[in-house]
Amino acid sequence: MASILPISDLRNYNEVLKNCRTGEPVFLTKNGRGKFVVLDIGDYEKDRAEKKLLAKSQEAEEAIVDEKGWMSFDELKSAMEE
């Protein structure tokens, strides 16, 4: 379960980091409002990779709609030989 802590708890950052486990971010608040997130590096990298994959997927969908993403068999074959 994600932790929600005031940013002032960073004075004792070791305790904050203990709450930050894989899959469980720590949300830091300032004046009662969400301000920052402390996230395990593995989760951060996974989120970035997913975002990049979704962007590439969207590009591919747009290319298909515009018919720019299609190749003939011969074009594909020559591209694979390069």
C-alpha atoms as a PDB file:
ATOM      1  CA  MET A   1       0.000   0.000   0.000  1.00  0.00           C
ATOM      2  CA  ALA A   2       1.322   3.434  -0.912  1.00  0.00           C
ATOM      3  CA  SER A   3       2.368   5.753   1.895  1.00  0.00           C
ATOM      4  CA  ILE A   4       1.343   9.393   2.141  1.00  0.00           C
ATOM      5  CA  LEU A   5       3.665  11.473   4.275  1.00  0.00           C
ATOM      6  CA  PRO A   6       4.288  15.170   4.850  1.00  0.00           C
ATOM      7  CA  ILE A   7       7.436  16.460   3.180  1.00  0.00           C
ATOM      8  CA  SER A   8       8.775  17.422   6.602  1.00  0.00           C
ATOM      9  CA  ASP A   9       9.317  13.683   7.220  1.00  0.00           C
ATOM     10  CA  LEU A  10      12.280  13.908   4.839  1.00  0.00           C
ATOM     11  CA  ARG A  11      14.285  15.160   7.788  1.00  0.00           C
ATOM     12  CA  ASN A  12      14.433  11.478   8.661  1.00  0.00           C
ATOM     13  CA  TYR A  13      14.801  10.211   5.088  1.00  0.00           C
ATOM     14  CA  ASN A  14      15.795   6.693   6.159  1.00  0.00           C
ATOM     15  CA  GLU A  15      12.299   6.143   7.518  1.00  0.00           C
ATOM     16  CA  VAL A  16      10.759   7.502   4.317  1.00  0.00           C
ATOM     17  CA  LEU A  17      12.907   5.173   2.203  1.00  0.00           C
ATOM     18  CA  LYS A  18      11.890   2.182   4.324  1.00  0.00           C
ATOM     19  CA  ASN A  19       8.320   2.877   3.220  1.00  0.00           C
ATOM     20  CA  CYS A  20       9.355   2.914  -0.459  1.00  0.00           C
ATOM     21  CA  ARG A  21       9.236  -0.689  -1.644  1.00  0.00           C
ATOM     22  CA  THR A  22       8.894  -2.103  -5.150  1.00  0.00           C
ATOM     23  CA  GLY A  23       5.403  -1.361  -6.385  1.00  0.00           C
ATOM     24  CA  GLU A  24       4.658   0.953  -3.485  1.00  0.00           C
ATOM     25  CA  PRO A  25       5.523   4.632  -3.993  1.00  0.00           C
ATOM     26  CA  VAL A  26       5.685   7.176  -1.190  1.00  0.00           C
ATOM     27  CA  PHE A  27       3.644  10.313  -1.823  1.00  0.00           C
ATOM     28  CA  LEU A  28       4.942  13.458  -0.150  1.00  0.00           C
ATOM     29  CA  THR A  29       2.612  16.312   0.647  1.00  0.00           C
ATOM     30  CA  LYS A  30       3.287  19.998   1.188  1.00  0.00           C
ATOM     31  CA  ASN A  31       0.637  22.064   2.952  1.00  0.00           C
ATOM     32  CA  GLY A  32      -1.732  19.118   2.728  1.00  0.00           C
ATOM     33  CA  ARG A  33      -1.473  18.724  -1.039  1.00  0.00           C
ATOM     34  CA  GLY A  34       0.392  16.136  -3.090  1.00  0.00           C
ATOM     35  CA  LYS A  35       3.757  17.487  -4.233  1.00  0.00           C
ATOM     36  CA  PHE A  36       6.315  14.697  -4.858  1.00  0.00           C
ATOM     37  CA  VAL A  37       6.584  10.929  -5.297  1.00  0.00           C
ATOM     38  CA  VAL A  38       9.482   8.763  -4.138  1.00  0.00           C
ATOM     39  CA  LEU A  39       9.614   5.667  -6.323  1.00  0.00           C
ATOM     40  CA  ASP A  40      11.777   2.555  -6.471  1.00  0.00           C
ATOM     41  CA  ILE A  41      14.195   2.853  -9.433  1.00  0.00           C
ATOM     42  CA  GLY A  42      12.932  -0.397 -10.962  1.00  0.00           C
ATOM     43  CA  ASP A  43       9.365   0.908 -10.941  1.00  0.00           C
ATOM     44  CA  TYR A  44      10.517   4.208 -12.444  1.00  0.00           C
ATOM     45  CA  GLU A  45      12.365   2.440 -15.271  1.00  0.00           C
ATOM     46  CA  LYS A  46       9.373   0.159 -15.900  1.00  0.00           C
ATOM     47  CA  ASP A  47       7.038   3.169 -16.106  1.00  0.00           C
ATOM     48  CA  ARG A  48       9.377   4.922 -18.553  1.00  0.00           C
ATOM     49  CA  ALA A  49       9.645   1.808 -20.752  1.00  0.00           C
ATOM     50  CA  GLU A  50       5.854   1.409 -20.792  1.00  0.00           C
ATOM     51  CA  LYS A  51       5.420   5.058 -21.740  1.00  0.00           C
ATOM     52  CA  LYS A  52       7.936   4.698 -24.579  1.00  0.00           C
ATOM     53  CA  LEU A  53       6.228   1.522 -25.815  1.00  0.00           C
ATOM     54  CA  LEU A  54       2.818   3.200 -25.797  1.00  0.00           C
ATOM     55  CA  ALA A  55       4.195   6.160 -27.755  1.00  0.00           C
ATOM     56  CA  LYS A  56       5.708   3.819 -30.379  1.00  0.00           C
ATOM     57  CA  SER A  57       2.427   1.901 -30.555  1.00  0.00           C
ATOM     58  CA  GLN A  58       0.534   5.137 -31.156  1.00  0.00           C
ATOM     59  CA  GLU A  59       3.007   6.135 -33.891  1.00  0.00           C
ATOM     60  CA  ALA A  60       2.470   2.759 -35.559  1.00  0.00           C
ATOM     61  CA  GLU A  61      -1.315   3.106 -35.410  1.00  0.00           C
ATOM     62  CA  GLU A  62      -1.117   6.574 -36.965  1.00  0.00           C
ATOM     63  CA  ALA A  63       1.176   5.271 -39.721  1.00  0.00           C
ATOM     64  CA  ILE A  64      -1.305   2.514 -40.514  1.00  0.00           C
ATOM     65  CA  VAL A  65      -4.186   4.986 -40.707  1.00  0.00           C
ATOM     66  CA  ASP A  66      -2.125   7.227 -43.013  1.00  0.00           C
ATOM     67  CA  GLU A  67      -1.024   4.130 -44.978  1.00  0.00           C
ATOM     68  CA  LYS A  68       2.594   5.231 -44.570  1.00  0.00           C
ATOM     69  CA  GLY A  69       3.506   2.217 -42.461  1.00  0.00           C
ATOM     70  CA  TRP A  70       2.873  -0.428 -45.106  1.00  0.00           C
ATOM     71  CA  MET A  71       5.681  -2.091 -47.045  1.00  0.00           C
ATOM     72  CA  SER A  72       5.518  -4.510 -49.899  1.00  0.00           C
ATOM     73  CA  PHE A  73       7.200  -7.859 -49.445  1.00  0.00           C
ATOM     74  CA  ASP A  74      10.078  -6.793 -51.665  1.00  0.00           C
ATOM     75  CA  GLU A  75      10.591  -3.571 -49.653  1.00  0.00           C
ATOM     76  CA  LEU A  76      10.593  -5.575 -46.432  1.00  0.00           C
ATOM     77  CA  LYS A  77      13.029  -8.101 -47.832  1.00  0.00           C
ATOM     78  CA  SER A  78      15.484  -5.422 -48.981  1.00  0.00           C
ATOM     79  CA  ALA A  79      15.192  -3.602 -45.644  1.00  0.00           C
ATOM     80  CA  MET A  80      16.033  -6.823 -43.794  1.00  0.00           C
ATOM     81  CA  GLU A  81      19.106  -7.421 -45.975  1.00  0.00           C
ATOM     82  CA  GLU A  82      20.615  -4.030 -45.121  1.00  0.00           C
END
